[in-house]
């Protein structure tokens, strides 16, 4: 059974080529990787701001936004969550 991120990734991937007028995800894909990467950066900053403000609800909301945009970026780049999970698994117990 997959994680909620895996399920969201499948929805995101299914929106590639959809009508940008009816899908926010399709609009992101049509704008391209540089635009998507900038959105990831913007959302990361918003997560930091919410964390520093100690606003739990806002941190939750911004974290969801960050994860969504990161998954869109992965899809655009041809990565899958499984690729990232494997990398994380390979790092287990590895001192940095």
Protein backbone atom coordinates (compact mmCIF):
# COMPACT_ATOMS: atom_id res chain seq x y z
CA UNK A 1 0.00 0.00 0.00
CA UNK A 2 1.39 3.38 -1.00
CA UNK A 3 1.73 6.51 1.05
CA UNK A 4 -0.45 9.60 0.66
CA UNK A 5 2.48 11.18 -1.20
CA UNK A 6 2.55 8.26 -3.64
CA UNK A 7 -1.19 8.69 -4.25
CA UNK A 8 -0.84 12.44 -4.75
CA UNK A 9 2.06 11.85 -7.13
CA UNK A 10 -0.13 9.61 -9.29
CA UNK A 11 -2.80 12.33 -9.46
CA UNK A 12 -0.14 14.89 -10.38
CA UNK A 13 1.28 12.64 -13.07
CA UNK A 14 -2.20 12.08 -14.50
CA UNK A 15 -2.61 15.84 -14.95
CA UNK A 16 0.33 16.14 -17.33
CA UNK A 17 -1.21 17.09 -20.66
CA UNK A 18 -4.57 18.00 -19.08
CA UNK A 19 -6.30 21.27 -19.89
CA UNK A 20 -4.38 24.07 -18.14
CA UNK A 21 -7.62 26.05 -17.93
CA UNK A 22 -9.13 23.43 -15.64
CA UNK A 23 -6.09 22.07 -13.77
CA UNK A 24 -3.63 24.02 -11.64
CA UNK A 25 -1.18 21.14 -11.97
CA UNK A 26 -1.44 21.18 -15.76
CA UNK A 27 -0.75 24.94 -15.68
CA UNK A 28 2.42 24.31 -13.69
CA UNK A 29 3.58 21.71 -16.22
CA UNK A 30 2.99 24.10 -19.12
CA UNK A 31 5.09 26.79 -17.42
CA UNK A 32 8.04 24.42 -17.24
CA UNK A 33 10.72 23.29 -14.85
CA UNK A 34 12.21 26.71 -14.01
CA UNK A 35 8.79 28.02 -12.94
CA UNK A 36 8.05 24.89 -10.92
CA UNK A 37 11.47 25.06 -9.24
CA UNK A 38 10.85 28.69 -8.26
CA UNK A 39 7.50 27.68 -6.75
CA UNK A 40 9.28 25.03 -4.66
CA UNK A 41 11.65 27.73 -3.43
CA UNK A 42 8.80 30.11 -2.59
CA UNK A 43 6.96 27.42 -0.67
CA UNK A 44 10.13 26.45 1.22
CA UNK A 45 10.53 30.05 2.37
CA UNK A 46 6.89 30.11 3.48
CA UNK A 47 7.49 26.94 5.52
CA UNK A 48 10.46 28.59 7.23
CA UNK A 49 8.46 31.75 8.00
CA UNK A 50 5.59 29.71 9.47
CA UNK A 51 8.01 27.63 11.54
CA UNK A 52 9.74 30.71 12.94
CA UNK A 53 6.38 32.27 13.75
CA UNK A 54 5.50 29.07 15.60
CA UNK A 55 2.18 29.00 13.77
CA UNK A 56 1.30 25.31 13.72
CA UNK A 57 -1.69 25.59 11.38
CA UNK A 58 0.18 27.77 8.90
CA UNK A 59 3.16 25.42 9.06
CA UNK A 60 0.86 22.52 8.24
CA UNK A 61 -0.67 24.38 5.29
CA UNK A 62 2.66 25.57 3.92
CA UNK A 63 4.20 22.12 4.34
CA UNK A 64 1.39 20.64 2.26
CA UNK A 65 2.01 23.30 -0.41
CA UNK A 66 5.74 22.55 -0.40
CA UNK A 67 5.21 18.80 -0.73
CA UNK A 68 2.72 19.30 -3.58
CA UNK A 69 5.08 21.55 -5.55
CA UNK A 70 8.02 19.23 -4.86
CA UNK A 71 6.05 16.30 -6.27
CA UNK A 72 5.19 18.35 -9.37
CA UNK A 73 8.90 19.11 -9.78
CA UNK A 74 9.77 15.42 -9.43
CA UNK A 75 7.20 14.52 -12.08
CA UNK A 76 8.55 17.22 -14.40
CA UNK A 77 12.10 15.91 -13.87
CA UNK A 78 11.12 12.27 -14.43
CA UNK A 79 11.68 11.27 -10.81
CA UNK A 80 9.27 9.20 -8.77
CA UNK A 81 8.73 9.09 -5.03
CA UNK A 82 10.19 5.58 -5.15
CA UNK A 83 13.47 7.04 -6.48
CA UNK A 84 13.64 9.36 -3.48
CA UNK A 85 12.56 6.69 -0.99
CA UNK A 86 15.35 4.43 -2.28
CA UNK A 87 17.89 7.22 -1.82
CA UNK A 88 16.66 7.82 1.73
CA UNK A 89 16.86 4.10 2.46
CA UNK A 90 20.45 4.01 1.16
CA UNK A 91 21.35 6.80 3.58
CA UNK A 92 20.08 5.02 6.68
CA UNK A 93 22.79 4.80 9.26
CA UNK A 94 25.22 6.74 7.09
CA UNK A 95 27.01 9.43 9.08
CA UNK A 96 27.13 12.82 7.42
